[in-house]
PDB file of N, CA and C in Angstrom:
ATOM      1  N   UNK A   1     121.900  92.236  97.664  1.00  0.00           N
ATOM      2  CA  UNK A   1     120.765  93.130  97.853  1.00  0.00           C
ATOM      3  C   UNK A   1     120.205  93.603  96.516  1.00  0.00           C
ATOM      4  N   UNK A   2     118.921  93.841  96.501  1.00  0.00           N
ATOM      5  CA  UNK A   2     118.274  94.373  95.306  1.00  0.00           C
ATOM      6  C   UNK A   2     117.678  95.726  95.658  1.00  0.00           C
ATOM      7  N   UNK A   3     117.956  96.711  94.822  1.00  0.00           N
ATOM      8  CA  UNK A   3     117.479  98.070  95.036  1.00  0.00           C
ATOM      9  C   UNK A   3     116.643  98.479  93.827  1.00  0.00           C
ATOM     10  N   UNK A   4     115.419  98.879  94.070  1.00  0.00           N
ATOM     11  CA  UNK A   4     114.508  99.274  93.007  1.00  0.00           C
ATOM     12  C   UNK A   4     114.181 100.752  93.138  1.00  0.00           C
ATOM     13  N   UNK A   5     114.152 101.424  92.008  1.00  0.00           N
ATOM     14  CA  UNK A   5     113.730 102.820  91.949  1.00  0.00           C
ATOM     15  C   UNK A   5     112.603 102.875  90.926  1.00  0.00           C
ATOM     16  N   UNK A   6     111.477 103.418  91.338  1.00  0.00           N
ATOM     17  CA  UNK A   6     110.302 103.393  90.478  1.00  0.00           C
ATOM     18  C   UNK A   6     109.635 104.762  90.476  1.00  0.00           C
ATOM     19  N   UNK A   7     109.105 105.137  89.332  1.00  0.00           N
ATOM     20  CA  UNK A   7     108.385 106.397  89.221  1.00  0.00           C
ATOM     21  C   UNK A   7     106.945 106.260  89.678  1.00  0.00           C
ATOM     22  N   UNK A   8     106.513 107.182  90.496  1.00  0.00           N
ATOM     23  CA  UNK A   8     105.138 107.173  91.002  1.00  0.00           C
ATOM     24  C   UNK A   8     104.118 107.192  89.861  1.00  0.00           C
ATOM     25  N   UNK A   9     104.448 107.899  88.779  1.00  0.00           N
ATOM     26  CA  UNK A   9     103.523 108.045  87.651  1.00  0.00           C
ATOM     27  C   UNK A   9     103.952 107.221  86.442  1.00  0.00           C
ATOM     28  N   UNK A  10     104.666 106.126  86.690  1.00  0.00           N
ATOM     29  CA  UNK A  10     105.132 105.261  85.598  1.00  0.00           C
ATOM     30  C   UNK A  10     103.937 104.827  84.754  1.00  0.00           C
ATOM     31  N   UNK A  11     103.990 105.149  83.468  1.00  0.00           N
ATOM     32  CA  UNK A  11     102.884 104.845  82.568  1.00  0.00           C
ATOM     33  C   UNK A  11     102.969 103.440  81.980  1.00  0.00           C
ATOM     34  N   UNK A  12     104.076 102.741  82.152  1.00  0.00           N
ATOM     35  CA  UNK A  12     104.221 101.383  81.627  1.00  0.00           C
ATOM     36  C   UNK A  12     104.007 100.318  82.694  1.00  0.00           C
ATOM     37  N   UNK A  13     104.514 100.556  83.879  1.00  0.00           N
ATOM     38  CA  UNK A  13     104.372  99.616  84.990  1.00  0.00           C
ATOM     39  C   UNK A  13     103.822 100.406  86.179  1.00  0.00           C
ATOM     40  N   UNK A  14     102.545 100.255  86.471  1.00  0.00           N
ATOM     41  CA  UNK A  14     101.963 100.997  87.583  1.00  0.00           C
ATOM     42  C   UNK A  14     102.703 100.703  88.896  1.00  0.00           C
ATOM     43  N   UNK A  15     102.804 101.710  89.732  1.00  0.00           N
ATOM     44  CA  UNK A  15     103.528 101.551  90.990  1.00  0.00           C
ATOM     45  C   UNK A  15     102.900 100.445  91.849  1.00  0.00           C
ATOM     46  N   UNK A  16     101.602 100.257  91.777  1.00  0.00           N
ATOM     47  CA  UNK A  16     100.949  99.180  92.538  1.00  0.00           C
ATOM     48  C   UNK A  16     101.459  97.813  92.089  1.00  0.00           C
ATOM     49  N   UNK A  17     101.684  97.651  90.789  1.00  0.00           N
ATOM     50  CA  UNK A  17     102.225  96.396  90.267  1.00  0.00           C
ATOM     51  C   UNK A  17     103.653  96.192  90.765  1.00  0.00           C
ATOM     52  N   UNK A  18     104.443  97.253  90.771  1.00  0.00           N
ATOM     53  CA  UNK A  18     105.816  97.151  91.266  1.00  0.00           C
ATOM     54  C   UNK A  18     105.824  96.770  92.738  1.00  0.00           C
ATOM     55  N   UNK A  19     104.957  97.390  93.516  1.00  0.00           N
ATOM     56  CA  UNK A  19     104.892  97.068  94.950  1.00  0.00           C
ATOM     57  C   UNK A  19     104.518  95.597  95.168  1.00  0.00           C
ATOM     58  N   UNK A  20     103.593  95.083  94.375  1.00  0.00           N
ATOM     59  CA  UNK A  20     103.193  93.678  94.495  1.00  0.00           C
ATOM     60  C   UNK A  20     104.358  92.752  94.149  1.00  0.00           C
ATOM     61  N   UNK A  21     105.074  93.050  93.080  1.00  0.00           N
ATOM     62  CA  UNK A  21     106.228  92.234  92.697  1.00  0.00           C
ATOM     63  C   UNK A  21     107.337  92.340  93.729  1.00  0.00           C
ATOM     64  N   UNK A  22     107.510  93.518  94.284  1.00  0.00           N
ATOM     65  CA  UNK A  22     108.530  93.758  95.299  1.00  0.00           C
ATOM     66  C   UNK A  22     108.315  92.844  96.507  1.00  0.00           C
ATOM     67  N   UNK A  23     107.063  92.641  96.881  1.00  0.00           N
ATOM     68  CA  UNK A  23     106.757  91.787  98.029  1.00  0.00           C
ATOM     69  C   UNK A  23     107.161  90.332  97.797  1.00  0.00           C
ATOM     70  N   UNK A  24     107.284  89.932  96.553  1.00  0.00           N
ATOM     71  CA  UNK A  24     107.656  88.555  96.210  1.00  0.00           C
ATOM     72  C   UNK A  24     109.163  88.321  96.229  1.00  0.00           C
ATOM     73  N   UNK A  25     109.941  89.365  96.351  1.00  0.00           N
ATOM     74  CA  UNK A  25     111.405  89.275  96.295  1.00  0.00           C
ATOM     75  C   UNK A  25     111.944  89.148  97.714  1.00  0.00           C
ATOM     76  N   UNK A  26     112.879  88.226  97.880  1.00  0.00           N
ATOM     77  CA  UNK A  26     113.427  88.010  99.219  1.00  0.00           C
ATOM     78  C   UNK A  26     114.334  89.162  99.649  1.00  0.00           C
ATOM     79  N   UNK A  27     114.509  89.283 100.946  1.00  0.00           N
ATOM     80  CA  UNK A  27     115.407  90.281 101.538  1.00  0.00           C
ATOM     81  C   UNK A  27     116.847  89.895 101.239  1.00  0.00           C
ATOM     82  N   UNK A  28     117.759  90.830 101.261  1.00  0.00           N
ATOM     83  CA  UNK A  28     117.567  92.257 101.467  1.00  0.00           C
ATOM     84  C   UNK A  28     117.108  92.949 100.185  1.00  0.00           C
ATOM     85  N   UNK A  29     116.231  93.903 100.367  1.00  0.00           N
ATOM     86  CA  UNK A  29     115.699  94.651  99.228  1.00  0.00           C
ATOM     87  C   UNK A  29     115.248  96.025  99.703  1.00  0.00           C
ATOM     88  N   UNK A  30     115.241  96.975  98.792  1.00  0.00           N
ATOM     89  CA  UNK A  30     114.704  98.304  99.074  1.00  0.00           C
ATOM     90  C   UNK A  30     113.933  98.776  97.850  1.00  0.00           C
ATOM     91  N   UNK A  31     112.964  99.620  98.095  1.00  0.00           N
ATOM     92  CA  UNK A  31     112.180 100.220  97.020  1.00  0.00           C
ATOM     93  C   UNK A  31     112.045 101.705  97.303  1.00  0.00           C
ATOM     94  N   UNK A  32     112.435 102.506  96.341  1.00  0.00           N
ATOM     95  CA  UNK A  32     112.248 103.953  96.420  1.00  0.00           C
ATOM     96  C   UNK A  32     111.292 104.352  95.302  1.00  0.00           C
ATOM     97  N   UNK A  33     110.227 105.035  95.662  1.00  0.00           N
ATOM     98  CA  UNK A  33     109.272 105.542  94.676  1.00  0.00           C
ATOM     99  C   UNK A  33     109.494 107.046  94.570  1.00  0.00           C
ATOM    100  N   UNK A  34     109.820 107.493  93.359  1.00  0.00           N
ATOM    101  CA  UNK A  34     110.102 108.904  93.116  1.00  0.00           C
ATOM    102  C   UNK A  34     108.792 109.631  92.810  1.00  0.00           C
ATOM    103  N   UNK A  35     108.421 110.565  93.684  1.00  0.00           N
ATOM    104  CA  UNK A  35     107.183 111.336  93.519  1.00  0.00           C
ATOM    105  C   UNK A  35     107.166 112.071  92.183  1.00  0.00           C
ATOM    106  N   UNK A  36     106.056 111.928  91.468  1.00  0.00           N
ATOM    107  CA  UNK A  36     105.856 112.656  90.224  1.00  0.00           C
ATOM    108  C   UNK A  36     106.670 112.169  89.042  1.00  0.00           C
ATOM    109  N   UNK A  37     107.418 111.078  89.206  1.00  0.00           N
ATOM    110  CA  UNK A  37     108.280 110.591  88.118  1.00  0.00           C
ATOM    111  C   UNK A  37     107.537 109.617  87.220  1.00  0.00           C
ATOM    112  N   UNK A  38     107.824 109.719  85.918  1.00  0.00           N
ATOM    113  CA  UNK A  38     107.265 108.772  84.960  1.00  0.00           C
ATOM    114  C   UNK A  38     108.259 107.621  84.754  1.00  0.00           C
ATOM    115  N   UNK A  39     108.026 106.807  83.733  1.00  0.00           N
ATOM    116  CA  UNK A  39     108.863 105.634  83.486  1.00  0.00           C
ATOM    117  C   UNK A  39     110.327 105.997  83.226  1.00  0.00           C
ATOM    118  N   UNK A  40     110.557 107.121  82.569  1.00  0.00           N
ATOM    119  CA  UNK A  40     111.929 107.534  82.232  1.00  0.00           C
ATOM    120  C   UNK A  40     112.492 108.544  83.227  1.00  0.00           C
ATOM    121  N   UNK A  41     111.751 108.815  84.294  1.00  0.00           N
ATOM    122  CA  UNK A  41     112.184 109.756  85.328  1.00  0.00           C
ATOM    123  C   UNK A  41     112.458 111.151  84.759  1.00  0.00           C
ATOM    124  N   UNK A  42     111.692 111.535  83.716  1.00  0.00           N
ATOM    125  CA  UNK A  42     111.873 112.859  83.108  1.00  0.00           C
ATOM    126  C   UNK A  42     111.777 113.951  84.169  1.00  0.00           C
ATOM    127  N   UNK A  43     112.790 114.797  84.217  1.00  0.00           N
ATOM    128  CA  UNK A  43     112.816 115.900  85.158  1.00  0.00           C
ATOM    129  C   UNK A  43     113.096 115.504  86.593  1.00  0.00           C
ATOM    130  N   UNK A  44     113.410 114.251  86.813  1.00  0.00           N
ATOM    131  CA  UNK A  44     113.627 113.752  88.176  1.00  0.00           C
ATOM    132  C   UNK A  44     114.996 113.100  88.343  1.00  0.00           C
ATOM    133  N   UNK A  45     115.910 113.405  87.450  1.00  0.00           N
ATOM    134  CA  UNK A  45     117.237 112.772  87.482  1.00  0.00           C
ATOM    135  C   UNK A  45     117.961 113.061  88.794  1.00  0.00           C
ATOM    136  N   UNK A  46     117.839 114.267  89.301  1.00  0.00           N
ATOM    137  CA  UNK A  46     118.510 114.610  90.565  1.00  0.00           C
ATOM    138  C   UNK A  46     117.983 113.751  91.708  1.00  0.00           C
ATOM    139  N   UNK A  47     116.665 113.545  91.747  1.00  0.00           N
ATOM    140  CA  UNK A  47     116.083 112.718  92.800  1.00  0.00           C
ATOM    141  C   UNK A  47     116.560 111.276  92.697  1.00  0.00           C
ATOM    142  N   UNK A  48     116.637 110.759  91.481  1.00  0.00           N
ATOM    143  CA  UNK A  48     117.141 109.395  91.276  1.00  0.00           C
ATOM    144  C   UNK A  48     118.586 109.310  91.753  1.00  0.00           C
ATOM    145  N   UNK A  49     119.385 110.292  91.400  1.00  0.00           N
ATOM    146  CA  UNK A  49     120.780 110.323  91.845  1.00  0.00           C
ATOM    147  C   UNK A  49     120.893 110.352  93.358  1.00  0.00           C
ATOM    148  N   UNK A  50     120.016 111.114  94.007  1.00  0.00           N
ATOM    149  CA  UNK A  50     120.025 111.172  95.472  1.00  0.00           C
ATOM    150  C   UNK A  50     119.724 109.808  96.084  1.00  0.00           C
ATOM    151  N   UNK A  51     118.751 109.101  95.522  1.00  0.00           N
ATOM    152  CA  UNK A  51     118.404 107.771  96.031  1.00  0.00           C
ATOM    153  C   UNK A  51     119.582 106.816  95.862  1.00  0.00           C
ATOM    154  N   UNK A  52     120.192 106.829  94.689  1.00  0.00           N
ATOM    155  CA  UNK A  52     121.332 105.942  94.430  1.00  0.00           C
ATOM    156  C   UNK A  52     122.480 106.271  95.374  1.00  0.00           C
ATOM    157  N   UNK A  53     122.785 107.538  95.516  1.00  0.00           N
ATOM    158  CA  UNK A  53     123.887 107.954  96.397  1.00  0.00           C
ATOM    159  C   UNK A  53     123.618 107.523  97.842  1.00  0.00           C
ATOM    160  N   UNK A  54     122.409 107.744  98.312  1.00  0.00           N
ATOM    161  CA  UNK A  54     122.059 107.376  99.682  1.00  0.00           C
ATOM    162  C   UNK A  54     122.170 105.870  99.893  1.00  0.00           C
ATOM    163  N   UNK A  55     121.654 105.080  98.957  1.00  0.00           N
ATOM    164  CA  UNK A  55     121.742 103.617  99.088  1.00  0.00           C
ATOM    165  C   UNK A  55     123.199 103.169  99.075  1.00  0.00           C
ATOM    166  N   UNK A  56     124.011 103.770  98.226  1.00  0.00           N
ATOM    167  CA  UNK A  56     125.428 103.419  98.161  1.00  0.00           C
ATOM    168  C   UNK A  56     126.108 103.738  99.490  1.00  0.00           C
ATOM    169  N   UNK A  57     125.805 104.905 100.050  1.00  0.00           N
ATOM    170  CA  UNK A  57     126.410 105.293 101.326  1.00  0.00           C
ATOM    171  C   UNK A  57     125.982 104.354 102.448  1.00  0.00           C
ATOM    172  N   UNK A  58     124.704 104.000 102.490  1.00  0.00           N
ATOM    173  CA  UNK A  58     124.216 103.073 103.517  1.00  0.00           C
ATOM    174  C   UNK A  58     124.883 101.716 103.361  1.00  0.00           C
ATOM    175  N   UNK A  59     124.942 101.231 102.138  1.00  0.00           N
ATOM    176  CA  UNK A  59     125.547  99.912 101.881  1.00  0.00           C
ATOM    177  C   UNK A  59     127.025  99.923 102.261  1.00  0.00           C
ATOM    178  N   UNK A  60     127.721 100.993 101.949  1.00  0.00           N
ATOM    179  CA  UNK A  60     129.140 101.104 102.287  1.00  0.00           C
ATOM    180  C   UNK A  60     129.324 101.080 103.804  1.00  0.00           C
ATOM    181  N   UNK A  61     128.472 101.797 104.528  1.00  0.00           N
ATOM    182  CA  UNK A  61     128.545 101.807 105.992  1.00  0.00           C
ATOM    183  C   UNK A  61     128.267 100.420 106.564  1.00  0.00           C
ATOM    184  N   UNK A  62     127.315  99.704 105.981  1.00  0.00           N
ATOM    185  CA  UNK A  62     126.978  98.361 106.456  1.00  0.00           C
ATOM    186  C   UNK A  62     128.146  97.398 106.289  1.00  0.00           C
ATOM    187  N   UNK A  63     128.945  97.609 105.266  1.00  0.00           N
ATOM    188  CA  UNK A  63     130.068  96.711 104.987  1.00  0.00           C
ATOM    189  C   UNK A  63     131.329  97.098 105.746  1.00  0.00           C
ATOM    190  N   UNK A  64     131.342  98.263 106.376  1.00  0.00           N
ATOM    191  CA  UNK A  64     132.535  98.732 107.100  1.00  0.00           C
ATOM    192  C   UNK A  64     132.667  98.057 108.444  1.00  0.00           C
TER     193      UNK A  64
END
């Protein structure tokens, strides 16, 4: 599986570009867009951690 986390306000790779590339990747895949986050997720570390934790928990449940 491929898991992507992207900042809504990423100044280097626009979220629209990420969404287009995401569509080209085969399943299984997930994309989480962090509201208000830039490329480095400044001030959004907790939200990124929440996404990672949630994906890990879901993946662990799927493998059980």
